[in-house]
Amino acid sequence: MAFILNGTLHQAWPSVVTNVAWFLISAVALVRMRSEEADAEPVEATHLQYPGVPDSTGQMAVVEALTGALPVVSSAPGVADGPRLAV
C-alpha cells in the first residue's frame, strides 16, 4: 500500500499500476489460502525415509528395554580395520 501511495503522490503512474496489480494478485492468493485452510482436514504426518539411510529410529531403545542389553561401543574410537595410509 505504501508503494501505491508514494507512486500516486509522485505521479509515477506505471509504478502505481504495477503495484496495484501485485497487490491484487497477493490479495487473491491470501484469500484462496485462507479458504483452503478452513476446508482442509488434518492429515497425519507421514514417515520420511531417505534412500540409503537405515531406518533405525527408536529401535535401539526398544531392544535395550526388552533385553537389558547395552549398545556395543568400540573402546578405541577412530581405529579402523585394514591398512593405513602414511600422512
PDB file of N, CA and C in Angstrom:
ATOM      1  N   MET A   1       0.818  -1.192   0.000  1.00  0.00           N
ATOM      2  CA  MET A   1       0.000   0.000   0.000  1.00  0.00           C
ATOM      3  C   MET A   1       0.869   1.266   0.000  1.00  0.00           C
ATOM      4  N   ALA A   2       1.958   1.220   0.732  1.00  0.00           N
ATOM      5  CA  ALA A   2       2.813   2.403   0.817  1.00  0.00           C
ATOM      6  C   ALA A   2       3.404   2.748  -0.547  1.00  0.00           C
ATOM      7  N   PHE A   3       3.784   1.702  -1.330  1.00  0.00           N
ATOM      8  CA  PHE A   3       4.335   1.963  -2.663  1.00  0.00           C
ATOM      9  C   PHE A   3       3.281   2.603  -3.565  1.00  0.00           C
ATOM     10  N   ILE A   4       2.046   2.165  -3.432  1.00  0.00           N
ATOM     11  CA  ILE A   4       0.963   2.722  -4.254  1.00  0.00           C
ATOM     12  C   ILE A   4       0.736   4.193  -3.898  1.00  0.00           C
ATOM     13  N   LEU A   5       0.698   4.489  -2.603  1.00  0.00           N
ATOM     14  CA  LEU A   5       0.504   5.878  -2.181  1.00  0.00           C
ATOM     15  C   LEU A   5       1.678   6.763  -2.599  1.00  0.00           C
ATOM     16  N   ASN A   6       2.889   6.262  -2.422  1.00  0.00           N
ATOM     17  CA  ASN A   6       4.068   7.042  -2.789  1.00  0.00           C
ATOM     18  C   ASN A   6       4.111   7.291  -4.296  1.00  0.00           C
ATOM     19  N   GLY A   7       3.807   6.257  -5.082  1.00  0.00           N
ATOM     20  CA  GLY A   7       3.790   6.431  -6.534  1.00  0.00           C
ATOM     21  C   GLY A   7       2.725   7.413  -6.975  1.00  0.00           C
ATOM     22  N   THR A   8       1.565   7.389  -6.292  1.00  0.00           N
ATOM     23  CA  THR A   8       0.495   8.330  -6.621  1.00  0.00           C
ATOM     24  C   THR A   8       0.917   9.764  -6.305  1.00  0.00           C
ATOM     25  N   LEU A   9       1.548   9.965  -5.142  1.00  0.00           N
ATOM     26  CA  LEU A   9       1.988  11.315  -4.768  1.00  0.00           C
ATOM     27  C   LEU A   9       3.024  11.864  -5.744  1.00  0.00           C
ATOM     28  N   HIS A  10       3.874  10.995  -6.273  1.00  0.00           N
ATOM     29  CA  HIS A  10       4.913  11.435  -7.215  1.00  0.00           C
ATOM     30  C   HIS A  10       4.477  11.284  -8.668  1.00  0.00           C
ATOM     31  N   GLN A  11       3.242  10.931  -8.874  1.00  0.00           N
ATOM     32  CA  GLN A  11       2.653  10.759 -10.204  1.00  0.00           C
ATOM     33  C   GLN A  11       3.464   9.794 -11.077  1.00  0.00           C
ATOM     34  N   ALA A  12       3.907   8.720 -10.454  1.00  0.00           N
ATOM     35  CA  ALA A  12       4.629   7.671 -11.181  1.00  0.00           C
ATOM     36  C   ALA A  12       3.613   6.587 -11.556  1.00  0.00           C
ATOM     37  N   TRP A  13       2.811   6.866 -12.584  1.00  0.00           N
ATOM     38  CA  TRP A  13       1.660   6.030 -12.908  1.00  0.00           C
ATOM     39  C   TRP A  13       2.019   4.610 -13.343  1.00  0.00           C
ATOM     40  N   PRO A  14       3.084   4.384 -14.099  1.00  0.00           N
ATOM     41  CA  PRO A  14       3.412   2.986 -14.418  1.00  0.00           C
ATOM     42  C   PRO A  14       3.721   2.160 -13.157  1.00  0.00           C
ATOM     43  N   SER A  15       4.410   2.783 -12.214  1.00  0.00           N
ATOM     44  CA  SER A  15       4.725   2.097 -10.964  1.00  0.00           C
ATOM     45  C   SER A  15       3.449   1.833 -10.155  1.00  0.00           C
ATOM     46  N   VAL A  16       2.531   2.791 -10.138  1.00  0.00           N
ATOM     47  CA  VAL A  16       1.272   2.624  -9.413  1.00  0.00           C
ATOM     48  C   VAL A  16       0.481   1.469  -9.997  1.00  0.00           C
ATOM     49  N   VAL A  17       0.389   1.395 -11.317  1.00  0.00           N
ATOM     50  CA  VAL A  17      -0.365   0.321 -11.972  1.00  0.00           C
ATOM     51  C   VAL A  17       0.264  -1.036 -11.654  1.00  0.00           C
ATOM     52  N   THR A  18       1.584  -1.114 -11.716  1.00  0.00           N
ATOM     53  CA  THR A  18       2.278  -2.360 -11.418  1.00  0.00           C
ATOM     54  C   THR A  18       2.053  -2.775  -9.963  1.00  0.00           C
ATOM     55  N   ASN A  19       2.159  -1.840  -9.046  1.00  0.00           N
ATOM     56  CA  ASN A  19       1.971  -2.148  -7.635  1.00  0.00           C
ATOM     57  C   ASN A  19       0.529  -2.530  -7.321  1.00  0.00           C
ATOM     58  N   VAL A  20      -0.432  -1.906  -7.974  1.00  0.00           N
ATOM     59  CA  VAL A  20      -1.836  -2.289  -7.781  1.00  0.00           C
ATOM     60  C   VAL A  20      -2.050  -3.718  -8.273  1.00  0.00           C
ATOM     61  N   ALA A  21      -1.452  -4.043  -9.417  1.00  0.00           N
ATOM     62  CA  ALA A  21      -1.585  -5.410  -9.943  1.00  0.00           C
ATOM     63  C   ALA A  21      -1.010  -6.420  -8.969  1.00  0.00           C
ATOM     64  N   TRP A  22       0.187  -6.172  -8.420  1.00  0.00           N
ATOM     65  CA  TRP A  22       0.794  -7.099  -7.455  1.00  0.00           C
ATOM     66  C   TRP A  22      -0.020  -7.171  -6.165  1.00  0.00           C
ATOM     67  N   PHE A  23      -0.604  -6.043  -5.754  1.00  0.00           N
ATOM     68  CA  PHE A  23      -1.450  -6.035  -4.573  1.00  0.00           C
ATOM     69  C   PHE A  23      -2.668  -6.938  -4.786  1.00  0.00           C
ATOM     70  N   LEU A  24      -3.294  -6.839  -5.944  1.00  0.00           N
ATOM     71  CA  LEU A  24      -4.463  -7.669  -6.229  1.00  0.00           C
ATOM     72  C   LEU A  24      -4.091  -9.154  -6.320  1.00  0.00           C
ATOM     73  N   ILE A  25      -2.971  -9.458  -6.935  1.00  0.00           N
ATOM     74  CA  ILE A  25      -2.520 -10.849  -7.031  1.00  0.00           C
ATOM     75  C   ILE A  25      -2.290 -11.435  -5.644  1.00  0.00           C
ATOM     76  N   SER A  26      -1.614 -10.678  -4.782  1.00  0.00           N
ATOM     77  CA  SER A  26      -1.339 -11.196  -3.436  1.00  0.00           C
ATOM     78  C   SER A  26      -2.613 -11.298  -2.602  1.00  0.00           C
ATOM     79  N   ALA A  27      -3.545 -10.364  -2.758  1.00  0.00           N
ATOM     80  CA  ALA A  27      -4.803 -10.416  -2.012  1.00  0.00           C
ATOM     81  C   ALA A  27      -5.612 -11.648  -2.408  1.00  0.00           C
ATOM     82  N   VAL A  28      -5.687 -11.936  -3.696  1.00  0.00           N
ATOM     83  CA  VAL A  28      -6.405 -13.122  -4.162  1.00  0.00           C
ATOM     84  C   VAL A  28      -5.736 -14.391  -3.642  1.00  0.00           C
ATOM     85  N   ALA A  29      -4.415 -14.443  -3.665  1.00  0.00           N
ATOM     86  CA  ALA A  29      -3.695 -15.621  -3.173  1.00  0.00           C
ATOM     87  C   ALA A  29      -3.946 -15.829  -1.678  1.00  0.00           C
ATOM     88  N   LEU A  30      -3.917 -14.763  -0.889  1.00  0.00           N
ATOM     89  CA  LEU A  30      -4.167 -14.885   0.544  1.00  0.00           C
ATOM     90  C   LEU A  30      -5.588 -15.355   0.836  1.00  0.00           C
ATOM     91  N   VAL A  31      -6.564 -14.838   0.099  1.00  0.00           N
ATOM     92  CA  VAL A  31      -7.953 -15.266   0.297  1.00  0.00           C
ATOM     93  C   VAL A  31      -8.103 -16.736  -0.053  1.00  0.00           C
ATOM     94  N   ARG A  32      -7.490 -17.173  -1.125  1.00  0.00           N
ATOM     95  CA  ARG A  32      -7.567 -18.584  -1.517  1.00  0.00           C
ATOM     96  C   ARG A  32      -6.882 -19.485  -0.492  1.00  0.00           C
ATOM     97  N   MET A  33      -5.753 -19.050   0.056  1.00  0.00           N
ATOM     98  CA  MET A  33      -5.050 -19.847   1.060  1.00  0.00           C
ATOM     99  C   MET A  33      -5.903 -19.986   2.320  1.00  0.00           C
ATOM    100  N   ARG A  34      -6.569 -18.926   2.730  1.00  0.00           N
ATOM    101  CA  ARG A  34      -7.428 -18.984   3.917  1.00  0.00           C
ATOM    102  C   ARG A  34      -8.592 -19.932   3.703  1.00  0.00           C
ATOM    103  N   SER A  35      -9.201 -19.895   2.533  1.00  0.00           N
ATOM    104  CA  SER A  35     -10.346 -20.771   2.286  1.00  0.00           C
ATOM    105  C   SER A  35      -9.915 -22.232   2.216  1.00  0.00           C
ATOM    106  N   GLU A  36      -8.710 -22.515   1.698  1.00  0.00           N
ATOM    107  CA  GLU A  36      -8.210 -23.888   1.648  1.00  0.00           C
ATOM    108  C   GLU A  36      -7.885 -24.408   3.038  1.00  0.00           C
ATOM    109  N   GLU A  37      -7.354 -23.551   3.919  1.00  0.00           N
ATOM    110  CA  GLU A  37      -7.033 -23.966   5.286  1.00  0.00           C
ATOM    111  C   GLU A  37      -8.301 -24.307   6.054  1.00  0.00           C
ATOM    112  N   ALA A  38      -9.382 -23.567   5.836  1.00  0.00           N
ATOM    113  CA  ALA A  38     -10.628 -23.824   6.546  1.00  0.00           C
ATOM    114  C   ALA A  38     -11.271 -25.128   6.072  1.00  0.00           C
ATOM    115  N   ASP A  39     -11.135 -25.466   4.795  1.00  0.00           N
ATOM    116  CA  ASP A  39     -11.749 -26.668   4.236  1.00  0.00           C
ATOM    117  C   ASP A  39     -10.926 -27.924   4.486  1.00  0.00           C
ATOM    118  N   ALA A  40      -9.640 -27.785   4.690  1.00  0.00           N
ATOM    119  CA  ALA A  40      -8.756 -28.944   4.789  1.00  0.00           C
ATOM    120  C   ALA A  40      -8.935 -29.662   6.122  1.00  0.00           C
ATOM    121  N   GLU A  41      -8.860 -31.005   6.050  1.00  0.00           N
ATOM    122  CA  GLU A  41      -8.890 -31.816   7.250  1.00  0.00           C
ATOM    123  C   GLU A  41      -7.461 -32.102   7.676  1.00  0.00           C
ATOM    124  N   PRO A  42      -7.220 -32.252   8.980  1.00  0.00           N
ATOM    125  CA  PRO A  42      -5.863 -32.556   9.428  1.00  0.00           C
ATOM    126  C   PRO A  42      -5.382 -33.898   8.871  1.00  0.00           C
ATOM    127  N   VAL A  43      -4.132 -33.931   8.466  1.00  0.00           N
ATOM    128  CA  VAL A  43      -3.549 -35.133   7.891  1.00  0.00           C
ATOM    129  C   VAL A  43      -2.429 -35.606   8.802  1.00  0.00           C
ATOM    130  N   GLU A  44      -2.347 -36.932   8.993  1.00  0.00           N
ATOM    131  CA  GLU A  44      -1.262 -37.475   9.812  1.00  0.00           C
ATOM    132  C   GLU A  44       0.073 -37.264   9.116  1.00  0.00           C
ATOM    133  N   ALA A  45       1.090 -37.014   9.921  1.00  0.00           N
ATOM    134  CA  ALA A  45       2.429 -36.840   9.367  1.00  0.00           C
ATOM    135  C   ALA A  45       2.931 -38.188   8.859  1.00  0.00           C
ATOM    136  N   THR A  46       3.478 -38.192   7.660  1.00  0.00           N
ATOM    137  CA  THR A  46       3.997 -39.430   7.103  1.00  0.00           C
ATOM    138  C   THR A  46       5.472 -39.572   7.451  1.00  0.00           C
ATOM    139  N   HIS A  47       5.910 -40.812   7.540  1.00  0.00           N
ATOM    140  CA  HIS A  47       7.310 -41.086   7.850  1.00  0.00           C
ATOM    141  C   HIS A  47       8.135 -40.869   6.592  1.00  0.00           C
ATOM    142  N   LEU A  48       9.206 -40.097   6.700  1.00  0.00           N
ATOM    143  CA  LEU A  48      10.070 -39.804   5.572  1.00  0.00           C
ATOM    144  C   LEU A  48      11.317 -40.676   5.677  1.00  0.00           C
ATOM    145  N   GLN A  49      11.564 -41.497   4.655  1.00  0.00           N
ATOM    146  CA  GLN A  49      12.716 -42.389   4.651  1.00  0.00           C
ATOM    147  C   GLN A  49      13.594 -42.035   3.453  1.00  0.00           C
ATOM    148  N   TYR A  50      14.832 -41.616   3.724  1.00  0.00           N
ATOM    149  CA  TYR A  50      15.760 -41.277   2.665  1.00  0.00           C
ATOM    150  C   TYR A  50      16.435 -42.534   2.142  1.00  0.00           C
ATOM    151  N   PRO A  51      16.687 -42.614   0.832  1.00  0.00           N
ATOM    152  CA  PRO A  51      17.354 -43.793   0.272  1.00  0.00           C
ATOM    153  C   PRO A  51      18.774 -43.919   0.807  1.00  0.00           C
ATOM    154  N   GLY A  52      19.147 -45.125   1.177  1.00  0.00           N
ATOM    155  CA  GLY A  52      20.498 -45.387   1.645  1.00  0.00           C
ATOM    156  C   GLY A  52      20.716 -45.104   3.115  1.00  0.00           C
ATOM    157  N   VAL A  53      19.697 -44.601   3.818  1.00  0.00           N
ATOM    158  CA  VAL A  53      19.825 -44.318   5.244  1.00  0.00           C
ATOM    159  C   VAL A  53      19.013 -45.368   5.991  1.00  0.00           C
ATOM    160  N   PRO A  54      19.654 -46.121   6.894  1.00  0.00           N
ATOM    161  CA  PRO A  54      18.913 -47.163   7.590  1.00  0.00           C
ATOM    162  C   PRO A  54      17.831 -46.583   8.492  1.00  0.00           C
ATOM    163  N   ASP A  55      16.725 -47.299   8.572  1.00  0.00           N
ATOM    164  CA  ASP A  55      15.621 -46.866   9.425  1.00  0.00           C
ATOM    165  C   ASP A  55      15.813 -47.482  10.795  1.00  0.00           C
ATOM    166  N   SER A  56      16.527 -46.796  11.656  1.00  0.00           N
ATOM    167  CA  SER A  56      16.819 -47.330  12.984  1.00  0.00           C
ATOM    168  C   SER A  56      16.268 -46.443  14.090  1.00  0.00           C
ATOM    169  N   THR A  57      15.371 -45.547  13.758  1.00  0.00           N
ATOM    170  CA  THR A  57      14.850 -44.616  14.734  1.00  0.00           C
ATOM    171  C   THR A  57      14.060 -45.355  15.808  1.00  0.00           C
ATOM    172  N   GLY A  58      14.508 -45.279  17.034  1.00  0.00           N
ATOM    173  CA  GLY A  58      13.780 -45.861  18.146  1.00  0.00           C
ATOM    174  C   GLY A  58      13.994 -47.340  18.352  1.00  0.00           C
ATOM    175  N   GLN A  59      14.628 -48.039  17.426  1.00  0.00           N
ATOM    176  CA  GLN A  59      14.774 -49.483  17.565  1.00  0.00           C
ATOM    177  C   GLN A  59      15.771 -49.838  18.658  1.00  0.00           C
ATOM    178  N   MET A  60      16.831 -49.069  18.823  1.00  0.00           N
ATOM    179  CA  MET A  60      17.835 -49.361  19.840  1.00  0.00           C
ATOM    180  C   MET A  60      17.222 -49.279  21.230  1.00  0.00           C
ATOM    181  N   ALA A  61      16.393 -48.281  21.464  1.00  0.00           N
ATOM    182  CA  ALA A  61      15.782 -48.114  22.776  1.00  0.00           C
ATOM    183  C   ALA A  61      14.862 -49.283  23.098  1.00  0.00           C
ATOM    184  N   VAL A  62      14.143 -49.799  22.108  1.00  0.00           N
ATOM    185  CA  VAL A  62      13.237 -50.928  22.343  1.00  0.00           C
ATOM    186  C   VAL A  62      14.035 -52.171  22.687  1.00  0.00           C
ATOM    187  N   VAL A  63      15.118 -52.438  21.957  1.00  0.00           N
ATOM    188  CA  VAL A  63      15.936 -53.623  22.222  1.00  0.00           C
ATOM    189  C   VAL A  63      16.562 -53.530  23.608  1.00  0.00           C
ATOM    190  N   GLU A  64      17.064 -52.362  23.979  1.00  0.00           N
ATOM    191  CA  GLU A  64      17.670 -52.179  25.296  1.00  0.00           C
ATOM    192  C   GLU A  64      16.638 -52.412  26.396  1.00  0.00           C
ATOM    193  N   ALA A  65      15.452 -51.899  26.208  1.00  0.00           N
ATOM    194  CA  ALA A  65      14.424 -52.025  27.240  1.00  0.00           C
ATOM    195  C   ALA A  65      13.973 -53.475  27.395  1.00  0.00           C
ATOM    196  N   LEU A  66      13.862 -54.211  26.304  1.00  0.00           N
ATOM    197  CA  LEU A  66      13.365 -55.585  26.367  1.00  0.00           C
ATOM    198  C   LEU A  66      14.419 -56.572  26.851  1.00  0.00           C
ATOM    199  N   THR A  67      15.668 -56.381  26.454  1.00  0.00           N
ATOM    200  CA  THR A  67      16.705 -57.368  26.772  1.00  0.00           C
ATOM    201  C   THR A  67      17.637 -56.913  27.877  1.00  0.00           C
ATOM    202  N   GLY A  68      17.618 -55.665  28.217  1.00  0.00           N
ATOM    203  CA  GLY A  68      18.538 -55.147  29.220  1.00  0.00           C
ATOM    204  C   GLY A  68      19.947 -55.016  28.680  1.00  0.00           C
ATOM    205  N   ALA A  69      20.116 -55.116  27.370  1.00  0.00           N
ATOM    206  CA  ALA A  69      21.432 -55.051  26.739  1.00  0.00           C
ATOM    207  C   ALA A  69      21.855 -53.601  26.541  1.00  0.00           C
ATOM    208  N   LEU A  70      23.142 -53.377  26.529  1.00  0.00           N
ATOM    209  CA  LEU A  70      23.706 -52.068  26.238  1.00  0.00           C
ATOM    210  C   LEU A  70      24.293 -52.089  24.846  1.00  0.00           C
ATOM    211  N   PRO A  71      24.283 -50.976  24.142  1.00  0.00           N
ATOM    212  CA  PRO A  71      24.869 -50.949  22.805  1.00  0.00           C
ATOM    213  C   PRO A  71      26.376 -51.178  22.862  1.00  0.00           C
ATOM    214  N   VAL A  72      26.894 -51.844  21.844  1.00  0.00           N
ATOM    215  CA  VAL A  72      28.323 -52.130  21.762  1.00  0.00           C
ATOM    216  C   VAL A  72      29.035 -50.891  21.250  1.00  0.00           C
ATOM    217  N   VAL A  73      30.030 -50.429  22.011  1.00  0.00           N
ATOM    218  CA  VAL A  73      30.798 -49.244  21.630  1.00  0.00           C
ATOM    219  C   VAL A  73      32.263 -49.629  21.628  1.00  0.00           C
ATOM    220  N   SER A  74      32.969 -49.246  20.573  1.00  0.00           N
ATOM    221  CA  SER A  74      34.390 -49.544  20.468  1.00  0.00           C
ATOM    222  C   SER A  74      35.156 -48.793  21.548  1.00  0.00           C
ATOM    223  N   SER A  75      36.165 -49.456  22.149  1.00  0.00           N
ATOM    224  CA  SER A  75      36.934 -48.805  23.207  1.00  0.00           C
ATOM    225  C   SER A  75      37.956 -47.815  22.645  1.00  0.00           C
ATOM    226  N   ALA A  76      38.318 -47.967  21.383  1.00  0.00           N
ATOM    227  CA  ALA A  76      39.286 -47.060  20.764  1.00  0.00           C
ATOM    228  C   ALA A  76      38.616 -46.372  19.581  1.00  0.00           C
ATOM    229  N   PRO A  77      38.032 -45.197  19.790  1.00  0.00           N
ATOM    230  CA  PRO A  77      37.352 -44.525  18.679  1.00  0.00           C
ATOM    231  C   PRO A  77      38.343 -44.096  17.602  1.00  0.00           C
ATOM    232  N   GLY A  78      37.904 -44.205  16.381  1.00  0.00           N
ATOM    233  CA  GLY A  78      38.724 -43.761  15.265  1.00  0.00           C
ATOM    234  C   GLY A  78      39.669 -44.813  14.738  1.00  0.00           C
ATOM    235  N   VAL A  79      39.729 -45.995  15.339  1.00  0.00           N
ATOM    236  CA  VAL A  79      40.615 -47.053  14.867  1.00  0.00           C
ATOM    237  C   VAL A  79      39.836 -47.887  13.857  1.00  0.00           C
ATOM    238  N   ALA A  80      40.343 -47.965  12.672  1.00  0.00           N
ATOM    239  CA  ALA A  80      39.660 -48.725  11.627  1.00  0.00           C
ATOM    240  C   ALA A  80      40.457 -49.972  11.276  1.00  0.00           C
ATOM    241  N   ASP A  81      39.761 -50.997  10.855  1.00  0.00           N
ATOM    242  CA  ASP A  81      40.427 -52.203  10.397  1.00  0.00           C
ATOM    243  C   ASP A  81      41.022 -51.960   9.021  1.00  0.00           C
ATOM    244  N   GLY A  82      42.116 -52.631   8.731  1.00  0.00           N
ATOM    245  CA  GLY A  82      42.703 -52.534   7.399  1.00  0.00           C
ATOM    246  C   GLY A  82      43.957 -51.671   7.397  1.00  0.00           C
ATOM    247  N   PRO A  83      44.584 -51.556   6.221  1.00  0.00           N
ATOM    248  CA  PRO A  83      45.827 -50.797   6.112  1.00  0.00           C
ATOM    249  C   PRO A  83      45.585 -49.290   6.283  1.00  0.00           C
ATOM    250  N   ARG A  84      46.619 -48.636   6.804  1.00  0.00           N
ATOM    251  CA  ARG A  84      46.542 -47.196   6.997  1.00  0.00           C
ATOM    252  C   ARG A  84      47.466 -46.500   5.996  1.00  0.00           C
ATOM    253  N   LEU A  85      47.094 -45.319   5.639  1.00  0.00           N
ATOM    254  CA  LEU A  85      47.920 -44.521   4.738  1.00  0.00           C
ATOM    255  C   LEU A  85      48.839 -43.638   5.554  1.00  0.00           C
ATOM    256  N   ALA A  86      50.071 -43.508   5.111  1.00  0.00           N
ATOM    257  CA  ALA A  86      51.021 -42.637   5.804  1.00  0.00           C
ATOM    258  C   ALA A  86      50.646 -41.187   5.560  1.00  0.00           C
ATOM    259  N   VAL A  87      50.737 -40.386   6.579  1.00  0.00           N
ATOM    260  CA  VAL A  87      50.381 -38.968   6.435  1.00  0.00           C
ATOM    261  C   VAL A  87      51.632 -38.129   6.364  1.00  0.00           C
TER     262      VAL A  87
END
